[in-house]
Amino acid sequence: MSGRTDHASQWIYRGVWRVLVDWFRVPKEPPTLPVEPGDVIETFQPAPGFLRYLKFWFWLGLLPLDVAIFAGWIVVTVFVPWLGVLLFPVAFVLAVVPDIVVYVALHLRYDTTWYVMTRRSLRIRRGVWIIREVTITFENVQNIHVSQGPVQRHFGIADVVVETAGAGSDSHEKGFQVTNQGLIEGIQDPQHVRALIMARLRESKTAGLGDDEAEFRPGRAWTPRHAAVLREIRDALAAIPS
């Protein structure tokens, strides 16, 4: 019976999802990132355990409220039956409608969360009404750590927090956000994702280092060190008397 109920709720949600996608013009495809020749773009979403995790807090927060509403309605009905009959639609709406709204919102949050990664950067997208995309360049990453609470551990998920330099210098441009922290939440293999980011971080940090031949090898991406060298050359040329 529970499986049939779950199937029905999924069918209702998918119908609502199709309407909201068209209404809010939610992108149906994951975000993209510039890809260099030979690079591979990786796209993934939170694990199914993340949705169960969200539903756990949903029921924990709303179930006591629903019980309180119906308990109050029962008390009124026992002492004033006619008033209880009149208040039943109100009690039903107060107890059920918020549950439906939050249930749909949880699925929307889960379905619209995307993580996209290349060798140089990471992009995180969330949101339906307001779509936010956070882009992090691995050259600026300062720290990566895994966060997992006891409830997350129960559902087999964890978060990977990517911290970058420049705290407090957030900027916004054309719907994109460059921030000092990126949250990869609700994933099943956080250590693998952390190791993958660390490997790309090391690759990004060491790009351009070493001898001059390796540093300026054709096809290698320019790094902040290259820009600093060019600025020094520009300033030196500007200081030469004409």
C-alpha atoms as a PDB file:
ATOM      1  CA  MET A   1       0.000   0.000   0.000  1.00  0.00           C
ATOM      2  CA  SER A   2       2.830   2.396   0.894  1.00  0.00           C
ATOM      3  CA  GLY A   3       4.511   1.718  -2.440  1.00  0.00           C
ATOM      4  CA  ARG A   4       1.276   2.517  -4.295  1.00  0.00           C
ATOM      5  CA  THR A   5       0.875   5.750  -2.278  1.00  0.00           C
ATOM      6  CA  ASP A   6       4.449   6.748  -2.999  1.00  0.00           C
ATOM      7  CA  HIS A   7       3.920   6.081  -6.704  1.00  0.00           C
ATOM      8  CA  ALA A   8       0.817   8.289  -6.684  1.00  0.00           C
ATOM      9  CA  SER A   9       2.662  11.101  -4.897  1.00  0.00           C
ATOM     10  CA  GLN A  10       5.489  10.890  -7.412  1.00  0.00           C
ATOM     11  CA  TRP A  11       2.998  11.072 -10.268  1.00  0.00           C
ATOM     12  CA  ILE A  12       1.376  14.173  -8.758  1.00  0.00           C
ATOM     13  CA  TYR A  13       4.768  15.767  -8.151  1.00  0.00           C
ATOM     14  CA  ARG A  14       5.938  15.157 -11.708  1.00  0.00           C
ATOM     15  CA  GLY A  15       2.819  16.874 -12.977  1.00  0.00           C
ATOM     16  CA  VAL A  16       3.430  19.868 -10.726  1.00  0.00           C
ATOM     17  CA  TRP A  17       7.104  19.860 -11.729  1.00  0.00           C
ATOM     18  CA  ARG A  18       6.266  20.065 -15.425  1.00  0.00           C
ATOM     19  CA  VAL A  19       4.008  23.053 -14.780  1.00  0.00           C
ATOM     20  CA  LEU A  20       6.597  24.859 -12.635  1.00  0.00           C
ATOM     21  CA  VAL A  21       9.392  24.221 -15.124  1.00  0.00           C
ATOM     22  CA  ASP A  22       7.414  25.965 -17.839  1.00  0.00           C
ATOM     23  CA  TRP A  23       6.052  28.657 -15.532  1.00  0.00           C
ATOM     24  CA  PHE A  24       9.345  29.689 -13.916  1.00  0.00           C
ATOM     25  CA  ARG A  25      11.423  28.849 -16.998  1.00  0.00           C
ATOM     26  CA  VAL A  26      13.625  26.530 -14.967  1.00  0.00           C
ATOM     27  CA  PRO A  27      16.506  25.183 -17.091  1.00  0.00           C
ATOM     28  CA  LYS A  28      15.885  21.505 -17.796  1.00  0.00           C
ATOM     29  CA  GLU A  29      19.552  20.801 -18.432  1.00  0.00           C
ATOM     30  CA  PRO A  30      22.438  21.066 -15.950  1.00  0.00           C
ATOM     31  CA  PRO A  31      24.688  24.143 -16.077  1.00  0.00           C
ATOM     32  CA  THR A  32      27.776  24.171 -18.270  1.00  0.00           C
ATOM     33  CA  LEU A  33      31.352  25.345 -17.933  1.00  0.00           C
ATOM     34  CA  PRO A  34      34.001  26.273 -20.491  1.00  0.00           C
ATOM     35  CA  VAL A  35      35.898  23.124 -21.428  1.00  0.00           C
ATOM     36  CA  GLU A  36      39.461  23.134 -22.717  1.00  0.00           C
ATOM     37  CA  PRO A  37      40.542  20.708 -25.453  1.00  0.00           C
ATOM     38  CA  GLY A  38      40.968  17.262 -23.957  1.00  0.00           C
ATOM     39  CA  ASP A  39      39.123  18.187 -20.757  1.00  0.00           C
ATOM     40  CA  VAL A  40      36.132  16.236 -19.451  1.00  0.00           C
ATOM     41  CA  ILE A  41      33.131  17.865 -17.805  1.00  0.00           C
ATOM     42  CA  GLU A  42      31.554  15.966 -14.899  1.00  0.00           C
ATOM     43  CA  THR A  43      27.941  16.567 -13.866  1.00  0.00           C
ATOM     44  CA  PHE A  44      26.246  15.079 -10.812  1.00  0.00           C
ATOM     45  CA  GLN A  45      23.457  15.713  -8.314  1.00  0.00           C
ATOM     46  CA  PRO A  46      22.898  14.949  -4.620  1.00  0.00           C
ATOM     47  CA  ALA A  47      22.417  11.310  -3.655  1.00  0.00           C
ATOM     48  CA  PRO A  48      18.887   9.884  -3.148  1.00  0.00           C
ATOM     49  CA  GLY A  49      19.658   9.817   0.582  1.00  0.00           C
ATOM     50  CA  PHE A  50      19.671  13.612   0.526  1.00  0.00           C
ATOM     51  CA  LEU A  51      15.993  13.676  -0.438  1.00  0.00           C
ATOM     52  CA  ARG A  52      15.181  11.250   2.393  1.00  0.00           C
ATOM     53  CA  TYR A  53      17.212  13.474   4.704  1.00  0.00           C
ATOM     54  CA  LEU A  54      15.159  16.527   3.704  1.00  0.00           C
ATOM     55  CA  LYS A  55      11.904  14.602   4.175  1.00  0.00           C
ATOM     56  CA  PHE A  56      12.995  13.521   7.665  1.00  0.00           C
ATOM     57  CA  TRP A  57      13.279  17.143   8.792  1.00  0.00           C
ATOM     58  CA  PHE A  58      10.048  17.900   6.943  1.00  0.00           C
ATOM     59  CA  TRP A  59       8.072  15.344   8.939  1.00  0.00           C
ATOM     60  CA  LEU A  60       9.868  16.196  12.153  1.00  0.00           C
ATOM     61  CA  GLY A  61       8.861  19.834  11.811  1.00  0.00           C
ATOM     62  CA  LEU A  62       5.334  19.621  10.387  1.00  0.00           C
ATOM     63  CA  LEU A  63       3.914  16.429  11.932  1.00  0.00           C
ATOM     64  CA  PRO A  64       3.602  17.904  15.463  1.00  0.00           C
ATOM     65  CA  LEU A  65       1.868  20.951  13.960  1.00  0.00           C
ATOM     66  CA  ASP A  66      -0.591  18.747  12.058  1.00  0.00           C
ATOM     67  CA  VAL A  67      -1.328  16.740  15.210  1.00  0.00           C
ATOM     68  CA  ALA A  68      -1.914  19.924  17.197  1.00  0.00           C
ATOM     69  CA  ILE A  69      -4.332  21.295  14.580  1.00  0.00           C
ATOM     70  CA  PHE A  70      -6.422  18.121  14.404  1.00  0.00           C
ATOM     71  CA  ALA A  71      -6.331  17.687  18.182  1.00  0.00           C
ATOM     72  CA  GLY A  72      -7.722  21.182  18.584  1.00  0.00           C
ATOM     73  CA  TRP A  73     -10.396  20.471  15.991  1.00  0.00           C
ATOM     74  CA  ILE A  74     -11.414  17.269  17.809  1.00  0.00           C
ATOM     75  CA  VAL A  75     -11.727  19.112  21.128  1.00  0.00           C
ATOM     76  CA  VAL A  76     -13.917  21.780  19.522  1.00  0.00           C
ATOM     77  CA  THR A  77     -16.046  19.110  17.822  1.00  0.00           C
ATOM     78  CA  VAL A  78     -16.607  17.212  21.083  1.00  0.00           C
ATOM     79  CA  PHE A  79     -17.816  20.264  22.980  1.00  0.00           C
ATOM     80  CA  VAL A  80     -19.459  22.192  20.108  1.00  0.00           C
ATOM     81  CA  PRO A  81     -20.327  19.721  17.313  1.00  0.00           C
ATOM     82  CA  TRP A  82     -21.817  22.269  14.917  1.00  0.00           C
ATOM     83  CA  LEU A  83     -18.755  24.499  15.227  1.00  0.00           C
ATOM     84  CA  GLY A  84     -16.499  21.501  14.616  1.00  0.00           C
ATOM     85  CA  VAL A  85     -18.335  20.768  11.367  1.00  0.00           C
ATOM     86  CA  LEU A  86     -17.867  24.355  10.239  1.00  0.00           C
ATOM     87  CA  LEU A  87     -14.185  24.397  11.180  1.00  0.00           C
ATOM     88  CA  PHE A  88     -13.286  21.088   9.536  1.00  0.00           C
ATOM     89  CA  PRO A  89     -12.417  22.628   6.107  1.00  0.00           C
ATOM     90  CA  VAL A  90     -10.284  25.244   7.852  1.00  0.00           C
ATOM     91  CA  ALA A  91      -8.449  22.633   9.918  1.00  0.00           C
ATOM     92  CA  PHE A  92      -7.948  20.450   6.864  1.00  0.00           C
ATOM     93  CA  VAL A  93      -6.479  23.308   4.827  1.00  0.00           C
ATOM     94  CA  LEU A  94      -4.184  24.428   7.675  1.00  0.00           C
ATOM     95  CA  ALA A  95      -2.892  20.899   8.214  1.00  0.00           C
ATOM     96  CA  VAL A  96      -2.649  19.521   4.675  1.00  0.00           C
ATOM     97  CA  VAL A  97      -1.905  22.400   2.305  1.00  0.00           C
ATOM     98  CA  PRO A  98       1.413  23.397   3.971  1.00  0.00           C
ATOM     99  CA  ASP A  99       2.488  19.740   3.842  1.00  0.00           C
ATOM    100  CA  ILE A 100       1.836  19.583   0.099  1.00  0.00           C
ATOM    101  CA  VAL A 101       3.658  22.848  -0.555  1.00  0.00           C
ATOM    102  CA  VAL A 102       6.706  21.839   1.464  1.00  0.00           C
ATOM    103  CA  TYR A 103       6.735  18.339  -0.049  1.00  0.00           C
ATOM    104  CA  VAL A 104       6.821  19.760  -3.568  1.00  0.00           C
ATOM    105  CA  ALA A 105       9.437  22.336  -2.525  1.00  0.00           C
ATOM    106  CA  LEU A 106      11.723  19.592  -1.184  1.00  0.00           C
ATOM    107  CA  HIS A 107      11.563  17.666  -4.454  1.00  0.00           C
ATOM    108  CA  LEU A 108      12.168  20.850  -6.416  1.00  0.00           C
ATOM    109  CA  ARG A 109      15.200  21.651  -4.301  1.00  0.00           C
ATOM    110  CA  TYR A 110      16.556  18.169  -4.887  1.00  0.00           C
ATOM    111  CA  ASP A 111      15.873  18.101  -8.636  1.00  0.00           C
ATOM    112  CA  THR A 112      17.273  21.572  -9.329  1.00  0.00           C
ATOM    113  CA  THR A 113      20.571  21.100  -7.477  1.00  0.00           C
ATOM    114  CA  TRP A 114      23.452  20.450  -9.863  1.00  0.00           C
ATOM    115  CA  TYR A 115      27.227  20.213  -9.517  1.00  0.00           C
ATOM    116  CA  VAL A 116      29.428  20.622 -12.588  1.00  0.00           C
ATOM    117  CA  MET A 117      33.194  20.217 -12.529  1.00  0.00           C
ATOM    118  CA  THR A 118      36.049  20.583 -15.008  1.00  0.00           C
ATOM    119  CA  ARG A 119      39.799  20.530 -14.477  1.00  0.00           C
ATOM    120  CA  ARG A 120      39.811  24.267 -13.735  1.00  0.00           C
ATOM    121  CA  SER A 121      36.568  25.124 -11.951  1.00  0.00           C
ATOM    122  CA  LEU A 122      33.406  24.036 -10.145  1.00  0.00           C
ATOM    123  CA  ARG A 123      29.882  25.349 -10.691  1.00  0.00           C
ATOM    124  CA  ILE A 124      26.951  24.828  -8.313  1.00  0.00           C
ATOM    125  CA  ARG A 125      23.349  25.591  -9.273  1.00  0.00           C
ATOM    126  CA  ARG A 126      20.336  25.778  -6.963  1.00  0.00           C
ATOM    127  CA  GLY A 127      16.919  27.351  -7.024  1.00  0.00           C
ATOM    128  CA  VAL A 128      13.610  27.502  -8.868  1.00  0.00           C
ATOM    129  CA  TRP A 129      12.133  30.943  -8.248  1.00  0.00           C
ATOM    130  CA  ILE A 130      15.621  32.480  -8.047  1.00  0.00           C
ATOM    131  CA  ILE A 131      18.294  30.403  -9.780  1.00  0.00           C
ATOM    132  CA  ARG A 132      21.738  30.856  -8.236  1.00  0.00           C
ATOM    133  CA  GLU A 133      24.946  29.592  -9.770  1.00  0.00           C
ATOM    134  CA  VAL A 134      28.163  29.686  -7.765  1.00  0.00           C
ATOM    135  CA  THR A 135      31.394  29.351  -9.729  1.00  0.00           C
ATOM    136  CA  ILE A 136      34.685  28.500  -8.016  1.00  0.00           C
ATOM    137  CA  THR A 137      38.049  28.452  -9.751  1.00  0.00           C
ATOM    138  CA  PHE A 138      40.372  25.822  -8.299  1.00  0.00           C
ATOM    139  CA  GLU A 139      43.314  28.246  -8.402  1.00  0.00           C
ATOM    140  CA  ASN A 140      41.609  30.221  -5.610  1.00  0.00           C
ATOM    141  CA  VAL A 141      40.718  27.268  -3.359  1.00  0.00           C
ATOM    142  CA  GLN A 142      42.270  27.483   0.105  1.00  0.00           C
ATOM    143  CA  ASN A 143      40.615  24.640   1.993  1.00  0.00           C
ATOM    144  CA  ILE A 144      38.349  21.639   1.421  1.00  0.00           C
ATOM    145  CA  HIS A 145      36.667  19.732   4.229  1.00  0.00           C
ATOM    146  CA  VAL A 146      33.886  17.200   4.714  1.00  0.00           C
ATOM    147  CA  SER A 147      30.969  17.965   7.041  1.00  0.00           C
ATOM    148  CA  GLN A 148      28.669  15.205   8.297  1.00  0.00           C
ATOM    149  CA  GLY A 149      26.225  15.316  11.193  1.00  0.00           C
ATOM    150  CA  PRO A 150      24.663  12.279  12.903  1.00  0.00           C
ATOM    151  CA  VAL A 151      21.437  12.495  10.870  1.00  0.00           C
ATOM    152  CA  GLN A 152      23.395  12.801   7.627  1.00  0.00           C
ATOM    153  CA  ARG A 153      25.446   9.785   8.694  1.00  0.00           C
ATOM    154  CA  HIS A 154      22.234   7.813   9.173  1.00  0.00           C
ATOM    155  CA  PHE A 155      21.160   8.575   5.605  1.00  0.00           C
ATOM    156  CA  GLY A 156      24.633   7.888   4.202  1.00  0.00           C
ATOM    157  CA  ILE A 157      25.352  11.408   2.946  1.00  0.00           C
ATOM    158  CA  ALA A 158      27.729  14.270   3.729  1.00  0.00           C
ATOM    159  CA  ASP A 159      28.654  17.754   2.553  1.00  0.00           C
ATOM    160  CA  VAL A 160      31.899  18.900   0.958  1.00  0.00           C
ATOM    161  CA  VAL A 161      32.735  22.541   1.744  1.00  0.00           C
ATOM    162  CA  VAL A 162      35.107  24.285  -0.663  1.00  0.00           C
ATOM    163  CA  GLU A 163      36.599  27.509   0.719  1.00  0.00           C
ATOM    164  CA  THR A 164      38.385  30.068  -1.415  1.00  0.00           C
ATOM    165  CA  ALA A 165      40.423  33.199  -0.853  1.00  0.00           C
ATOM    166  CA  GLY A 166      38.849  36.635  -0.769  1.00  0.00           C
ATOM    167  CA  ALA A 167      36.311  36.287   2.026  1.00  0.00           C
ATOM    168  CA  GLY A 168      33.830  39.126   1.937  1.00  0.00           C
ATOM    169  CA  SER A 169      34.518  39.988  -1.687  1.00  0.00           C
ATOM    170  CA  ASP A 170      31.478  38.351  -3.226  1.00  0.00           C
ATOM    171  CA  SER A 171      30.439  39.611  -6.635  1.00  0.00           C
ATOM    172  CA  HIS A 172      27.383  39.119  -8.799  1.00  0.00           C
ATOM    173  CA  GLU A 173      27.166  39.357 -12.566  1.00  0.00           C
ATOM    174  CA  LYS A 174      24.423  38.184 -14.911  1.00  0.00           C
ATOM    175  CA  GLY A 175      22.978  35.689 -12.439  1.00  0.00           C
ATOM    176  CA  PHE A 176      26.354  34.165 -11.561  1.00  0.00           C
ATOM    177  CA  GLN A 177      27.957  34.438  -8.153  1.00  0.00           C
ATOM    178  CA  VAL A 178      31.645  34.255  -7.356  1.00  0.00           C
ATOM    179  CA  THR A 179      31.901  33.582  -3.644  1.00  0.00           C
ATOM    180  CA  ASN A 180      34.370  32.532  -0.967  1.00  0.00           C
ATOM    181  CA  GLN A 181      32.612  29.242  -0.255  1.00  0.00           C
ATOM    182  CA  GLY A 182      30.937  26.494  -2.228  1.00  0.00           C
ATOM    183  CA  LEU A 183      28.719  23.829  -0.650  1.00  0.00           C
ATOM    184  CA  ILE A 184      28.407  20.432  -2.321  1.00  0.00           C
ATOM    185  CA  GLU A 185      25.666  18.980  -0.159  1.00  0.00           C
ATOM    186  CA  GLY A 186      24.012  15.623   0.136  1.00  0.00           C
ATOM    187  CA  ILE A 187      26.520  13.438  -1.703  1.00  0.00           C
ATOM    188  CA  GLN A 188      27.172   9.783  -1.028  1.00  0.00           C
ATOM    189  CA  ASP A 189      30.942   9.655  -1.646  1.00  0.00           C
ATOM    190  CA  PRO A 190      32.347  12.865  -0.100  1.00  0.00           C
ATOM    191  CA  GLN A 191      35.900  11.555   0.275  1.00  0.00           C
ATOM    192  CA  HIS A 192      36.066  10.715  -3.424  1.00  0.00           C
ATOM    193  CA  VAL A 193      34.784  14.160  -4.392  1.00  0.00           C
ATOM    194  CA  ARG A 194      37.220  15.814  -1.983  1.00  0.00           C
ATOM    195  CA  ALA A 195      40.135  13.792  -3.369  1.00  0.00           C
ATOM    196  CA  LEU A 196      39.084  14.669  -6.920  1.00  0.00           C
ATOM    197  CA  ILE A 197      38.998  18.390  -6.121  1.00  0.00           C
ATOM    198  CA  MET A 198      42.329  18.153  -4.292  1.00  0.00           C
ATOM    199  CA  ALA A 199      43.928  16.537  -7.337  1.00  0.00           C
ATOM    200  CA  ARG A 200      42.642  19.282  -9.604  1.00  0.00           C
ATOM    201  CA  LEU A 201      43.698  21.878  -7.073  1.00  0.00           C
ATOM    202  CA  ARG A 202      47.258  20.544  -7.091  1.00  0.00           C
ATOM    203  CA  GLU A 203      47.210  20.476 -10.876  1.00  0.00           C
ATOM    204  CA  SER A 204      46.005  24.068 -10.976  1.00  0.00           C
ATOM    205  CA  LYS A 205      48.508  25.272  -8.372  1.00  0.00           C
ATOM    206  CA  THR A 206      51.458  23.656 -10.138  1.00  0.00           C
ATOM    207  CA  ALA A 207      50.445  24.755 -13.626  1.00  0.00           C
ATOM    208  CA  GLY A 208      53.090  27.148 -14.911  1.00  0.00           C
ATOM    209  CA  LEU A 209      55.696  26.292 -12.266  1.00  0.00           C
ATOM    210  CA  GLY A 210      59.079  24.757 -12.972  1.00  0.00           C
ATOM    211  CA  ASP A 211      61.543  25.667 -15.721  1.00  0.00           C
ATOM    212  CA  ASP A 212      60.827  28.325 -18.290  1.00  0.00           C
ATOM    213  CA  GLU A 213      60.278  25.811 -21.057  1.00  0.00           C
ATOM    214  CA  ALA A 214      57.572  24.012 -19.089  1.00  0.00           C
ATOM    215  CA  GLU A 215      56.096  27.266 -17.816  1.00  0.00           C
ATOM    216  CA  PHE A 216      55.443  28.793 -21.227  1.00  0.00           C
ATOM    217  CA  ARG A 217      54.761  25.566 -23.083  1.00  0.00           C
ATOM    218  CA  PRO A 218      52.313  26.207 -25.985  1.00  0.00           C
ATOM    219  CA  GLY A 219      48.772  25.271 -25.137  1.00  0.00           C
ATOM    220  CA  ARG A 220      49.208  25.654 -21.368  1.00  0.00           C
ATOM    221  CA  ALA A 221      46.615  27.897 -19.715  1.00  0.00           C
ATOM    222  CA  TRP A 222      47.754  31.274 -18.415  1.00  0.00           C
ATOM    223  CA  THR A 223      47.995  31.552 -14.630  1.00  0.00           C
ATOM    224  CA  PRO A 224      48.041  34.548 -12.259  1.00  0.00           C
ATOM    225  CA  ARG A 225      51.851  34.238 -12.202  1.00  0.00           C
ATOM    226  CA  HIS A 226      51.964  34.822 -15.949  1.00  0.00           C
ATOM    227  CA  ALA A 227      49.834  37.954 -15.559  1.00  0.00           C
ATOM    228  CA  ALA A 228      52.125  39.238 -12.800  1.00  0.00           C
ATOM    229  CA  VAL A 229      55.195  38.770 -15.014  1.00  0.00           C
ATOM    230  CA  LEU A 230      53.530  40.653 -17.856  1.00  0.00           C
ATOM    231  CA  ARG A 231      52.632  43.513 -15.534  1.00  0.00           C
ATOM    232  CA  GLU A 232      56.243  43.738 -14.360  1.00  0.00           C
ATOM    233  CA  ILE A 233      57.441  43.886 -17.979  1.00  0.00           C
ATOM    234  CA  ARG A 234      54.871  46.579 -18.763  1.00  0.00           C
ATOM    235  CA  ASP A 235      55.933  48.684 -15.786  1.00  0.00           C
ATOM    236  CA  ALA A 236      59.622  48.295 -16.647  1.00  0.00           C
ATOM    237  CA  LEU A 237      59.018  49.416 -20.221  1.00  0.00           C
ATOM    238  CA  ALA A 238      56.977  52.377 -19.033  1.00  0.00           C
ATOM    239  CA  ALA A 239      59.850  53.477 -16.785  1.00  0.00           C
ATOM    240  CA  ILE A 240      62.368  53.615 -19.655  1.00  0.00           C
ATOM    241  CA  PRO A 241      62.931  57.261 -20.690  1.00  0.00           C
ATOM    242  CA  SER A 242      61.748  57.946 -24.232  1.00  0.00           C
END
